[in-house]
Amino acid sequence: MKLTEHVSNRVDAGTSRRIRSRTVEIWWAYAFILPAFLVLAVFHLLPAVASAVISVLNWDGLGKAAFIGLDNYAALIHDTHFLKACIHTILFTVISVPVTMILATAVALLLNRNLRGRTFYRTLYFIPVVTMSTAVGLIWKWLYNSEYGPINAVLHKLHLPEPMWLTDSRFILPSIMIVSIWASIGQHMIVLLAGLQGISESYYEAASIDGAGPVHVLLRITLPLLTPSLFFVMLTTTIQALQLFDLVFVMTDSNPTLLSSSRSVVYNVYEEAFRLFHMGSASAQAVVLFVAILGITIVQMKLQRKWVHY
């Protein structure tokens, strides 16, 4: 009987120590998470909640606010600037996302091979990612300059048309697309490179034994096994495209003529809030954009079950 009690006490003591150890681990986990959570709460969650609240108010940011319900949302239906911004943002997303994915995939496939100096090329493609978008926009403004920019200088030497990249409203949105695609290839290339290097060599060895050609290997092995990385790139690229702002701000210089062909939803939010001080309308537009991004993300998450192979 005493032996049984002794064993039972030892088991209880061991269980108690494990519980205490587990509790300490949990508290340490919360301690490490807390700084990141505070940053997320202060700079993301609280502003999101504040935007939702302000969107039902008539407020200039300084004076007294008045509750007006959903009037700010109803007014967006007749807001020509907002509707144009939606069209430009959708057009930018529909074109830039697939082009970025195709180019990033092609670069990743090339730099995944045993090429001389591939580390240098990987670094070269990644440099725009660690460069401030404002600096990128300013550099490309110089490249695009119609008087002394090198792009038009090369086109002139080749006797090709020289577009007025930053002064003609027909070319401003394509110009921004080119810069955005160029600047984001490196970021997505890294993700796709990681996905390519995670594919087991045994698949390629089996394909080689079966006599499969490079195109067959690409279409039947590489791309299907790369779909998780491709899905992640598609998701992040779409969200980034829908949040377009900095390149529009830098490259148009707030020129009304250029903005008529390149205004994005986020730029319109900025203009409404910090130039016109229509905080309620700006917040309503931000909420609409958030709901749109959330809806598109949910749809993408649902559809990925049909084509992503884990």
C-alpha atoms as a PDB file:
ATOM      1  CA  MET A   1       0.000   0.000   0.000  1.00  0.00           C
ATOM      2  CA  LYS A   2       2.846   2.336   0.946  1.00  0.00           C
ATOM      3  CA  LEU A   3       4.627   1.510  -2.333  1.00  0.00           C
ATOM      4  CA  THR A   4       1.484   2.387  -4.299  1.00  0.00           C
ATOM      5  CA  GLU A   5       1.120   5.699  -2.446  1.00  0.00           C
ATOM      6  CA  HIS A   6       4.803   6.462  -3.035  1.00  0.00           C
ATOM      7  CA  VAL A   7       4.492   5.836  -6.776  1.00  0.00           C
ATOM      8  CA  SER A   8       1.296   7.874  -6.917  1.00  0.00           C
ATOM      9  CA  ASN A   9       2.954  10.804  -5.133  1.00  0.00           C
ATOM     10  CA  ARG A  10       5.909  10.705  -7.551  1.00  0.00           C
ATOM     11  CA  VAL A  11       3.544  10.677 -10.538  1.00  0.00           C
ATOM     12  CA  ASP A  12       1.605  13.625  -9.103  1.00  0.00           C
ATOM     13  CA  ALA A  13       4.838  15.521  -8.430  1.00  0.00           C
ATOM     14  CA  GLY A  14       6.045  14.884 -11.994  1.00  0.00           C
ATOM     15  CA  THR A  15       2.708  15.991 -13.446  1.00  0.00           C
ATOM     16  CA  SER A  16       2.780  19.138 -11.309  1.00  0.00           C
ATOM     17  CA  ARG A  17       6.303  19.983 -12.488  1.00  0.00           C
ATOM     18  CA  ARG A  18       5.280  19.518 -16.111  1.00  0.00           C
ATOM     19  CA  ILE A  19       2.252  21.763 -15.620  1.00  0.00           C
ATOM     20  CA  ARG A  20       4.399  24.472 -13.986  1.00  0.00           C
ATOM     21  CA  SER A  21       6.987  24.172 -16.747  1.00  0.00           C
ATOM     22  CA  ARG A  22       4.284  24.414 -19.380  1.00  0.00           C
ATOM     23  CA  THR A  23       2.790  27.468 -17.665  1.00  0.00           C
ATOM     24  CA  VAL A  24       6.167  29.186 -17.576  1.00  0.00           C
ATOM     25  CA  GLU A  25       6.671  28.456 -21.291  1.00  0.00           C
ATOM     26  CA  ILE A  26       3.260  29.919 -22.094  1.00  0.00           C
ATOM     27  CA  TRP A  27       3.994  33.108 -20.153  1.00  0.00           C
ATOM     28  CA  TRP A  28       7.368  33.471 -21.867  1.00  0.00           C
ATOM     29  CA  ALA A  29       5.650  32.988 -25.220  1.00  0.00           C
ATOM     30  CA  TYR A  30       3.203  35.775 -24.412  1.00  0.00           C
ATOM     31  CA  ALA A  31       6.089  37.985 -23.257  1.00  0.00           C
ATOM     32  CA  PHE A  32       7.861  37.572 -26.597  1.00  0.00           C
ATOM     33  CA  ILE A  33       4.647  38.090 -28.580  1.00  0.00           C
ATOM     34  CA  LEU A  34       3.612  41.202 -26.612  1.00  0.00           C
ATOM     35  CA  PRO A  35       5.910  43.787 -28.351  1.00  0.00           C
ATOM     36  CA  ALA A  36       4.808  42.681 -31.814  1.00  0.00           C
ATOM     37  CA  PHE A  37       1.168  42.604 -30.708  1.00  0.00           C
ATOM     38  CA  LEU A  38       1.425  46.154 -29.280  1.00  0.00           C
ATOM     39  CA  VAL A  39       2.878  47.432 -32.558  1.00  0.00           C
ATOM     40  CA  LEU A  40       0.141  45.636 -34.498  1.00  0.00           C
ATOM     41  CA  ALA A  41      -2.558  46.983 -32.196  1.00  0.00           C
ATOM     42  CA  VAL A  42      -1.328  50.596 -32.149  1.00  0.00           C
ATOM     43  CA  PHE A  43      -0.466  50.977 -35.826  1.00  0.00           C
ATOM     44  CA  HIS A  44      -2.946  48.602 -37.493  1.00  0.00           C
ATOM     45  CA  LEU A  45      -5.890  47.449 -35.369  1.00  0.00           C
ATOM     46  CA  LEU A  46      -6.700  50.762 -33.663  1.00  0.00           C
ATOM     47  CA  PRO A  47      -6.479  52.820 -36.905  1.00  0.00           C
ATOM     48  CA  ALA A  48      -8.724  50.257 -38.632  1.00  0.00           C
ATOM     49  CA  VAL A  49     -11.331  50.547 -35.889  1.00  0.00           C
ATOM     50  CA  ALA A  50     -10.980  54.349 -35.885  1.00  0.00           C
ATOM     51  CA  SER A  51     -11.515  54.441 -39.667  1.00  0.00           C
ATOM     52  CA  ALA A  52     -14.708  52.418 -39.342  1.00  0.00           C
ATOM     53  CA  VAL A  53     -15.990  54.824 -36.680  1.00  0.00           C
ATOM     54  CA  ILE A  54     -14.985  57.999 -38.566  1.00  0.00           C
ATOM     55  CA  SER A  55     -16.602  56.689 -41.769  1.00  0.00           C
ATOM     56  CA  VAL A  56     -20.059  57.337 -40.286  1.00  0.00           C
ATOM     57  CA  LEU A  57     -19.186  60.874 -39.206  1.00  0.00           C
ATOM     58  CA  ASN A  58     -19.031  64.268 -40.876  1.00  0.00           C
ATOM     59  CA  TRP A  59     -15.670  65.504 -39.562  1.00  0.00           C
ATOM     60  CA  ASP A  60     -12.835  67.688 -40.832  1.00  0.00           C
ATOM     61  CA  GLY A  61     -10.278  66.253 -38.418  1.00  0.00           C
ATOM     62  CA  LEU A  62     -10.276  69.231 -36.068  1.00  0.00           C
ATOM     63  CA  GLY A  63     -13.776  70.525 -35.390  1.00  0.00           C
ATOM     64  CA  LYS A  64     -16.820  68.869 -33.914  1.00  0.00           C
ATOM     65  CA  ALA A  65     -17.907  65.590 -35.527  1.00  0.00           C
ATOM     66  CA  ALA A  66     -21.511  64.879 -36.463  1.00  0.00           C
ATOM     67  CA  PHE A  67     -22.988  61.420 -36.916  1.00  0.00           C
ATOM     68  CA  ILE A  68     -24.437  60.998 -40.438  1.00  0.00           C
ATOM     69  CA  GLY A  69     -24.795  57.219 -40.667  1.00  0.00           C
ATOM     70  CA  LEU A  70     -24.081  55.693 -44.076  1.00  0.00           C
ATOM     71  CA  ASP A  71     -24.237  58.970 -46.010  1.00  0.00           C
ATOM     72  CA  ASN A  72     -20.491  58.895 -46.711  1.00  0.00           C
ATOM     73  CA  TYR A  73     -20.859  55.453 -48.282  1.00  0.00           C
ATOM     74  CA  ALA A  74     -23.883  56.512 -50.329  1.00  0.00           C
ATOM     75  CA  ALA A  75     -21.993  59.562 -51.617  1.00  0.00           C
ATOM     76  CA  LEU A  76     -19.240  57.334 -53.052  1.00  0.00           C
ATOM     77  CA  ILE A  77     -21.636  56.085 -55.736  1.00  0.00           C
ATOM     78  CA  HIS A  78     -21.675  59.597 -57.235  1.00  0.00           C
ATOM     79  CA  ASP A  79     -18.032  60.493 -56.485  1.00  0.00           C
ATOM     80  CA  THR A  80     -16.380  60.598 -59.930  1.00  0.00           C
ATOM     81  CA  HIS A  81     -12.853  60.773 -58.478  1.00  0.00           C
ATOM     82  CA  PHE A  82     -13.450  57.653 -56.397  1.00  0.00           C
ATOM     83  CA  LEU A  83     -15.031  55.759 -59.285  1.00  0.00           C
ATOM     84  CA  LYS A  84     -12.119  56.653 -61.574  1.00  0.00           C
ATOM     85  CA  ALA A  85      -9.702  55.594 -58.852  1.00  0.00           C
ATOM     86  CA  CYS A  86     -11.466  52.228 -58.632  1.00  0.00           C
ATOM     87  CA  ILE A  87     -11.188  51.726 -62.400  1.00  0.00           C
ATOM     88  CA  HIS A  88      -7.487  52.657 -62.420  1.00  0.00           C
ATOM     89  CA  THR A  89      -6.745  50.400 -59.451  1.00  0.00           C
ATOM     90  CA  ILE A  90      -8.560  47.437 -61.008  1.00  0.00           C
ATOM     91  CA  LEU A  91      -6.821  48.000 -64.349  1.00  0.00           C
ATOM     92  CA  PHE A  92      -3.439  48.273 -62.638  1.00  0.00           C
ATOM     93  CA  THR A  93      -4.076  45.064 -60.677  1.00  0.00           C
ATOM     94  CA  VAL A  94      -5.393  43.039 -63.610  1.00  0.00           C
ATOM     95  CA  ILE A  95      -2.333  43.865 -65.747  1.00  0.00           C
ATOM     96  CA  SER A  96       0.516  44.119 -63.241  1.00  0.00           C
ATOM     97  CA  VAL A  97      -0.219  41.009 -61.158  1.00  0.00           C
ATOM     98  CA  PRO A  98      -0.003  38.368 -63.939  1.00  0.00           C
ATOM     99  CA  VAL A  99       2.943  40.126 -65.625  1.00  0.00           C
ATOM    100  CA  THR A 100       4.825  40.298 -62.320  1.00  0.00           C
ATOM    101  CA  MET A 101       4.141  36.621 -61.598  1.00  0.00           C
ATOM    102  CA  ILE A 102       5.275  35.504 -65.054  1.00  0.00           C
ATOM    103  CA  LEU A 103       8.487  37.545 -64.957  1.00  0.00           C
ATOM    104  CA  ALA A 104       9.309  36.598 -61.347  1.00  0.00           C
ATOM    105  CA  THR A 105       8.786  32.915 -62.179  1.00  0.00           C
ATOM    106  CA  ALA A 106      10.987  33.156 -65.272  1.00  0.00           C
ATOM    107  CA  VAL A 107      13.776  34.883 -63.319  1.00  0.00           C
ATOM    108  CA  ALA A 108      13.520  32.357 -60.480  1.00  0.00           C
ATOM    109  CA  LEU A 109      13.754  29.449 -62.930  1.00  0.00           C
ATOM    110  CA  LEU A 110      16.837  30.963 -64.572  1.00  0.00           C
ATOM    111  CA  LEU A 111      18.590  31.809 -61.302  1.00  0.00           C
ATOM    112  CA  ASN A 112      17.834  28.369 -59.880  1.00  0.00           C
ATOM    113  CA  ARG A 113      20.197  26.846 -62.433  1.00  0.00           C
ATOM    114  CA  ASN A 114      23.966  26.511 -62.049  1.00  0.00           C
ATOM    115  CA  LEU A 115      24.924  29.786 -63.686  1.00  0.00           C
ATOM    116  CA  ARG A 116      28.200  31.590 -63.172  1.00  0.00           C
ATOM    117  CA  GLY A 117      27.642  34.603 -60.928  1.00  0.00           C
ATOM    118  CA  ARG A 118      24.083  33.667 -60.004  1.00  0.00           C
ATOM    119  CA  THR A 119      24.566  35.016 -56.448  1.00  0.00           C
ATOM    120  CA  PHE A 120      25.429  38.401 -57.944  1.00  0.00           C
ATOM    121  CA  TYR A 121      22.351  38.328 -60.184  1.00  0.00           C
ATOM    122  CA  ARG A 122      20.112  37.324 -57.281  1.00  0.00           C
ATOM    123  CA  THR A 123      21.434  40.272 -55.289  1.00  0.00           C
ATOM    124  CA  LEU A 124      21.011  42.573 -58.263  1.00  0.00           C
ATOM    125  CA  TYR A 125      17.351  41.643 -58.688  1.00  0.00           C
ATOM    126  CA  PHE A 126      16.720  42.012 -54.948  1.00  0.00           C
ATOM    127  CA  ILE A 127      18.204  45.517 -54.599  1.00  0.00           C
ATOM    128  CA  PRO A 128      14.937  47.328 -55.556  1.00  0.00           C
ATOM    129  CA  VAL A 129      13.160  45.488 -52.721  1.00  0.00           C
ATOM    130  CA  VAL A 130      15.408  47.089 -50.065  1.00  0.00           C
ATOM    131  CA  THR A 131      15.280  50.498 -51.766  1.00  0.00           C
ATOM    132  CA  MET A 132      12.655  52.993 -50.642  1.00  0.00           C
ATOM    133  CA  SER A 133       9.804  53.209 -53.110  1.00  0.00           C
ATOM    134  CA  THR A 134      10.118  57.012 -53.107  1.00  0.00           C
ATOM    135  CA  ALA A 135      13.743  56.718 -54.214  1.00  0.00           C
ATOM    136  CA  VAL A 136      12.730  54.199 -56.887  1.00  0.00           C
ATOM    137  CA  GLY A 137      10.080  56.603 -58.179  1.00  0.00           C
ATOM    138  CA  LEU A 138      12.527  59.526 -58.308  1.00  0.00           C
ATOM    139  CA  ILE A 139      15.143  57.474 -60.171  1.00  0.00           C
ATOM    140  CA  TRP A 140      12.587  56.384 -62.743  1.00  0.00           C
ATOM    141  CA  LYS A 141      11.372  59.969 -63.143  1.00  0.00           C
ATOM    142  CA  TRP A 142      14.880  60.783 -64.325  1.00  0.00           C
ATOM    143  CA  LEU A 143      14.938  57.721 -66.593  1.00  0.00           C
ATOM    144  CA  TYR A 144      11.573  58.688 -68.075  1.00  0.00           C
ATOM    145  CA  ASN A 145      12.412  62.362 -68.601  1.00  0.00           C
ATOM    146  CA  SER A 146      11.497  63.261 -72.162  1.00  0.00           C
ATOM    147  CA  GLU A 147      14.300  65.838 -72.563  1.00  0.00           C
ATOM    148  CA  TYR A 148      17.394  64.231 -71.031  1.00  0.00           C
ATOM    149  CA  GLY A 149      16.233  60.783 -69.827  1.00  0.00           C
ATOM    150  CA  PRO A 150      18.241  57.768 -71.083  1.00  0.00           C
ATOM    151  CA  ILE A 151      15.138  55.780 -72.111  1.00  0.00           C
ATOM    152  CA  ASN A 152      14.060  58.277 -74.748  1.00  0.00           C
ATOM    153  CA  ALA A 153      17.707  58.806 -75.720  1.00  0.00           C
ATOM    154  CA  VAL A 154      17.980  55.108 -76.598  1.00  0.00           C
ATOM    155  CA  LEU A 155      14.639  55.193 -78.432  1.00  0.00           C
ATOM    156  CA  HIS A 156      15.864  58.221 -80.392  1.00  0.00           C
ATOM    157  CA  LYS A 157      19.032  56.372 -81.434  1.00  0.00           C
ATOM    158  CA  LEU A 158      16.905  53.452 -82.613  1.00  0.00           C
ATOM    159  CA  HIS A 159      14.561  55.825 -84.521  1.00  0.00           C
ATOM    160  CA  LEU A 160      11.603  54.667 -82.446  1.00  0.00           C
ATOM    161  CA  PRO A 161       8.730  56.786 -81.048  1.00  0.00           C
ATOM    162  CA  GLU A 162       9.641  58.721 -77.907  1.00  0.00           C
ATOM    163  CA  PRO A 163       6.632  58.753 -75.554  1.00  0.00           C
ATOM    164  CA  MET A 164       6.091  61.617 -73.130  1.00  0.00           C
ATOM    165  CA  TRP A 165       6.117  59.183 -70.227  1.00  0.00           C
ATOM    166  CA  LEU A 166       5.376  61.586 -67.379  1.00  0.00           C
ATOM    167  CA  THR A 167       3.580  64.426 -69.135  1.00  0.00           C
ATOM    168  CA  ASP A 168       1.111  62.600 -71.366  1.00  0.00           C
ATOM    169  CA  SER A 169      -1.890  61.209 -69.471  1.00  0.00           C
ATOM    170  CA  ARG A 170      -2.051  58.266 -71.907  1.00  0.00           C
ATOM    171  CA  PHE A 171       1.324  56.951 -70.743  1.00  0.00           C
ATOM    172  CA  ILE A 172       1.357  57.755 -67.031  1.00  0.00           C
ATOM    173  CA  LEU A 173      -0.415  54.597 -65.835  1.00  0.00           C
ATOM    174  CA  PRO A 174       1.679  52.251 -68.050  1.00  0.00           C
ATOM    175  CA  SER A 175       4.776  54.075 -66.784  1.00  0.00           C
ATOM    176  CA  ILE A 176       3.777  53.406 -63.179  1.00  0.00           C
ATOM    177  CA  MET A 177       3.039  49.765 -64.032  1.00  0.00           C
ATOM    178  CA  ILE A 178       6.514  49.286 -65.499  1.00  0.00           C
ATOM    179  CA  VAL A 179       8.185  50.704 -62.389  1.00  0.00           C
ATOM    180  CA  SER A 180       5.996  48.679 -60.030  1.00  0.00           C
ATOM    181  CA  ILE A 181       6.657  45.431 -61.891  1.00  0.00           C
ATOM    182  CA  TRP A 182      10.397  46.115 -62.077  1.00  0.00           C
ATOM    183  CA  ALA A 183      10.612  46.918 -58.380  1.00  0.00           C
ATOM    184  CA  SER A 184       8.658  43.876 -57.170  1.00  0.00           C
ATOM    185  CA  ILE A 185      10.205  41.098 -59.275  1.00  0.00           C
ATOM    186  CA  GLY A 186      13.062  40.558 -56.800  1.00  0.00           C
ATOM    187  CA  GLN A 187      10.784  40.152 -53.793  1.00  0.00           C
ATOM    188  CA  HIS A 188       8.692  37.454 -55.441  1.00  0.00           C
ATOM    189  CA  MET A 189      11.718  35.841 -57.081  1.00  0.00           C
ATOM    190  CA  ILE A 190      13.099  35.029 -53.615  1.00  0.00           C
ATOM    191  CA  VAL A 191       9.859  33.304 -52.599  1.00  0.00           C
ATOM    192  CA  LEU A 192       9.744  31.302 -55.831  1.00  0.00           C
ATOM    193  CA  LEU A 193      13.422  30.371 -55.527  1.00  0.00           C
ATOM    194  CA  ALA A 194      12.718  28.961 -52.087  1.00  0.00           C
ATOM    195  CA  GLY A 195       9.823  26.983 -53.554  1.00  0.00           C
ATOM    196  CA  LEU A 196      11.971  25.628 -56.394  1.00  0.00           C
ATOM    197  CA  GLN A 197      14.728  24.548 -54.029  1.00  0.00           C
ATOM    198  CA  GLY A 198      12.160  22.718 -51.917  1.00  0.00           C
ATOM    199  CA  ILE A 199      11.225  20.395 -54.784  1.00  0.00           C
ATOM    200  CA  SER A 200      12.852  16.991 -54.347  1.00  0.00           C
ATOM    201  CA  GLU A 201      15.400  15.969 -56.982  1.00  0.00           C
ATOM    202  CA  SER A 202      13.842  12.501 -57.060  1.00  0.00           C
ATOM    203  CA  TYR A 203      11.020  13.824 -59.261  1.00  0.00           C
ATOM    204  CA  TYR A 204      13.483  15.079 -61.862  1.00  0.00           C
ATOM    205  CA  GLU A 205      15.505  11.872 -61.703  1.00  0.00           C
ATOM    206  CA  ALA A 206      12.372   9.814 -62.351  1.00  0.00           C
ATOM    207  CA  ALA A 207      11.385  12.117 -65.222  1.00  0.00           C
ATOM    208  CA  SER A 208      14.875  11.802 -66.712  1.00  0.00           C
ATOM    209  CA  ILE A 209      14.677   8.009 -66.551  1.00  0.00           C
ATOM    210  CA  ASP A 210      11.296   8.118 -68.301  1.00  0.00           C
ATOM    211  CA  GLY A 211      12.768  10.315 -71.042  1.00  0.00           C
ATOM    212  CA  ALA A 212      10.658  13.409 -70.298  1.00  0.00           C
ATOM    213  CA  GLY A 213      11.697  16.600 -72.112  1.00  0.00           C
ATOM    214  CA  PRO A 214      12.322  19.989 -70.432  1.00  0.00           C
ATOM    215  CA  VAL A 215       8.908  21.392 -71.386  1.00  0.00           C
ATOM    216  CA  HIS A 216       7.137  18.316 -70.019  1.00  0.00           C
ATOM    217  CA  VAL A 217       9.177  18.521 -66.799  1.00  0.00           C
ATOM    218  CA  LEU A 218       8.334  22.212 -66.423  1.00  0.00           C
ATOM    219  CA  LEU A 219       4.603  21.781 -67.011  1.00  0.00           C
ATOM    220  CA  ARG A 220       4.065  18.460 -65.221  1.00  0.00           C
ATOM    221  CA  ILE A 221       6.546  18.626 -62.324  1.00  0.00           C
ATOM    222  CA  THR A 222       8.033  22.054 -61.615  1.00  0.00           C
ATOM    223  CA  LEU A 223       4.986  24.306 -61.944  1.00  0.00           C
ATOM    224  CA  PRO A 224       2.507  21.969 -60.164  1.00  0.00           C
ATOM    225  CA  LEU A 225       4.912  21.548 -57.217  1.00  0.00           C
ATOM    226  CA  LEU A 226       5.571  25.292 -57.226  1.00  0.00           C
ATOM    227  CA  THR A 227       1.886  26.203 -56.913  1.00  0.00           C
ATOM    228  CA  PRO A 228       2.007  26.884 -53.118  1.00  0.00           C
ATOM    229  CA  SER A 229       4.683  29.524 -53.717  1.00  0.00           C
ATOM    230  CA  LEU A 230       2.839  30.847 -56.778  1.00  0.00           C
ATOM    231  CA  PHE A 231      -0.344  31.167 -54.741  1.00  0.00           C
ATOM    232  CA  PHE A 232       1.461  33.119 -52.023  1.00  0.00           C
ATOM    233  CA  VAL A 233       3.003  35.425 -54.634  1.00  0.00           C
ATOM    234  CA  MET A 234      -0.381  35.948 -56.310  1.00  0.00           C
ATOM    235  CA  LEU A 235      -2.009  36.765 -52.979  1.00  0.00           C
ATOM    236  CA  THR A 236       0.627  39.279 -51.855  1.00  0.00           C
ATOM    237  CA  THR A 237       1.011  40.853 -55.301  1.00  0.00           C
ATOM    238  CA  THR A 238      -2.742  41.412 -55.567  1.00  0.00           C
ATOM    239  CA  ILE A 239      -2.905  43.067 -52.146  1.00  0.00           C
ATOM    240  CA  GLN A 240       0.073  45.292 -52.969  1.00  0.00           C
ATOM    241  CA  ALA A 241      -1.450  46.294 -56.306  1.00  0.00           C
ATOM    242  CA  LEU A 242      -4.767  47.240 -54.708  1.00  0.00           C
ATOM    243  CA  GLN A 243      -2.870  49.419 -52.207  1.00  0.00           C
ATOM    244  CA  LEU A 244      -0.988  51.379 -54.875  1.00  0.00           C
ATOM    245  CA  PHE A 245      -0.061  54.857 -53.645  1.00  0.00           C
ATOM    246  CA  ASP A 246       3.606  55.822 -53.417  1.00  0.00           C
ATOM    247  CA  LEU A 247       4.494  55.614 -57.113  1.00  0.00           C
ATOM    248  CA  VAL A 248       1.370  57.580 -58.069  1.00  0.00           C
ATOM    249  CA  PHE A 249       2.248  60.225 -55.477  1.00  0.00           C
ATOM    250  CA  VAL A 250       5.889  60.558 -56.567  1.00  0.00           C
ATOM    251  CA  MET A 251       5.548  60.259 -60.331  1.00  0.00           C
ATOM    252  CA  THR A 252       2.517  62.489 -60.922  1.00  0.00           C
ATOM    253  CA  ASP A 253       3.531  65.378 -58.635  1.00  0.00           C
ATOM    254  CA  SER A 254      -0.198  65.743 -57.923  1.00  0.00           C
ATOM    255  CA  ASN A 255      -0.755  66.997 -61.466  1.00  0.00           C
ATOM    256  CA  PRO A 256      -4.559  66.937 -62.011  1.00  0.00           C
ATOM    257  CA  THR A 257      -4.194  66.001 -65.700  1.00  0.00           C
ATOM    258  CA  LEU A 258      -1.961  63.023 -64.906  1.00  0.00           C
ATOM    259  CA  LEU A 259      -4.104  61.995 -61.930  1.00  0.00           C
ATOM    260  CA  SER A 260      -7.147  61.829 -64.195  1.00  0.00           C
ATOM    261  CA  SER A 261      -5.541  58.731 -65.749  1.00  0.00           C
ATOM    262  CA  SER A 262      -3.627  57.278 -62.795  1.00  0.00           C
ATOM    263  CA  ARG A 263      -5.414  58.116 -59.558  1.00  0.00           C
ATOM    264  CA  SER A 264      -5.572  55.065 -57.254  1.00  0.00           C
ATOM    265  CA  VAL A 265      -8.015  54.396 -54.426  1.00  0.00           C
ATOM    266  CA  VAL A 266      -5.360  54.865 -51.737  1.00  0.00           C
ATOM    267  CA  TYR A 267      -4.222  58.130 -53.346  1.00  0.00           C
ATOM    268  CA  ASN A 268      -7.834  59.278 -53.356  1.00  0.00           C
ATOM    269  CA  VAL A 269      -8.082  58.442 -49.642  1.00  0.00           C
ATOM    270  CA  TYR A 270      -4.949  60.512 -48.994  1.00  0.00           C
ATOM    271  CA  GLU A 271      -6.300  63.452 -50.983  1.00  0.00           C
ATOM    272  CA  GLU A 272      -9.699  63.393 -49.304  1.00  0.00           C
ATOM    273  CA  ALA A 273      -8.204  63.155 -45.826  1.00  0.00           C
ATOM    274  CA  PHE A 274      -5.116  65.369 -45.866  1.00  0.00           C
ATOM    275  CA  ARG A 275      -5.832  67.903 -48.589  1.00  0.00           C
ATOM    276  CA  LEU A 276      -9.585  68.335 -48.498  1.00  0.00           C
ATOM    277  CA  PHE A 277      -9.988  67.280 -44.839  1.00  0.00           C
ATOM    278  CA  HIS A 278     -13.022  65.132 -45.598  1.00  0.00           C
ATOM    279  CA  MET A 279     -12.138  62.560 -42.947  1.00  0.00           C
ATOM    280  CA  GLY A 280     -15.489  60.783 -43.065  1.00  0.00           C
ATOM    281  CA  SER A 281     -15.406  60.292 -46.830  1.00  0.00           C
ATOM    282  CA  ALA A 282     -11.744  59.215 -46.761  1.00  0.00           C
ATOM    283  CA  SER A 283     -12.453  56.671 -44.020  1.00  0.00           C
ATOM    284  CA  ALA A 284     -15.455  55.312 -45.924  1.00  0.00           C
ATOM    285  CA  GLN A 285     -13.265  54.796 -48.999  1.00  0.00           C
ATOM    286  CA  ALA A 286     -10.633  53.062 -46.852  1.00  0.00           C
ATOM    287  CA  VAL A 287     -13.275  50.736 -45.403  1.00  0.00           C
ATOM    288  CA  VAL A 288     -14.589  49.913 -48.886  1.00  0.00           C
ATOM    289  CA  LEU A 289     -11.049  49.105 -50.033  1.00  0.00           C
ATOM    290  CA  PHE A 290     -10.495  46.924 -46.960  1.00  0.00           C
ATOM    291  CA  VAL A 291     -13.700  44.994 -47.626  1.00  0.00           C
ATOM    292  CA  ALA A 292     -12.741  44.588 -51.301  1.00  0.00           C
ATOM    293  CA  ILE A 293      -9.274  43.261 -50.424  1.00  0.00           C
ATOM    294  CA  LEU A 294     -10.762  40.943 -47.808  1.00  0.00           C
ATOM    295  CA  GLY A 295     -13.343  39.626 -50.274  1.00  0.00           C
ATOM    296  CA  ILE A 296     -10.778  39.055 -53.036  1.00  0.00           C
ATOM    297  CA  THR A 297      -8.473  37.297 -50.572  1.00  0.00           C
ATOM    298  CA  ILE A 298     -11.276  34.991 -49.395  1.00  0.00           C
ATOM    299  CA  VAL A 299     -12.162  34.137 -53.001  1.00  0.00           C
ATOM    300  CA  GLN A 300      -8.513  33.388 -53.767  1.00  0.00           C
ATOM    301  CA  MET A 301      -8.269  31.189 -50.660  1.00  0.00           C
ATOM    302  CA  LYS A 302     -11.344  29.245 -51.792  1.00  0.00           C
ATOM    303  CA  LEU A 303     -10.176  28.834 -55.383  1.00  0.00           C
ATOM    304  CA  GLN A 304      -6.661  27.734 -54.421  1.00  0.00           C
ATOM    305  CA  ARG A 305      -8.036  24.344 -53.368  1.00  0.00           C
ATOM    306  CA  LYS A 306      -8.620  23.565 -57.055  1.00  0.00           C
ATOM    307  CA  TRP A 307      -5.115  24.285 -58.367  1.00  0.00           C
ATOM    308  CA  VAL A 308      -2.615  24.424 -55.501  1.00  0.00           C
ATOM    309  CA  HIS A 309      -0.834  21.134 -54.759  1.00  0.00           C
ATOM    310  CA  TYR A 310       0.638  20.816 -51.265  1.00  0.00           C
END
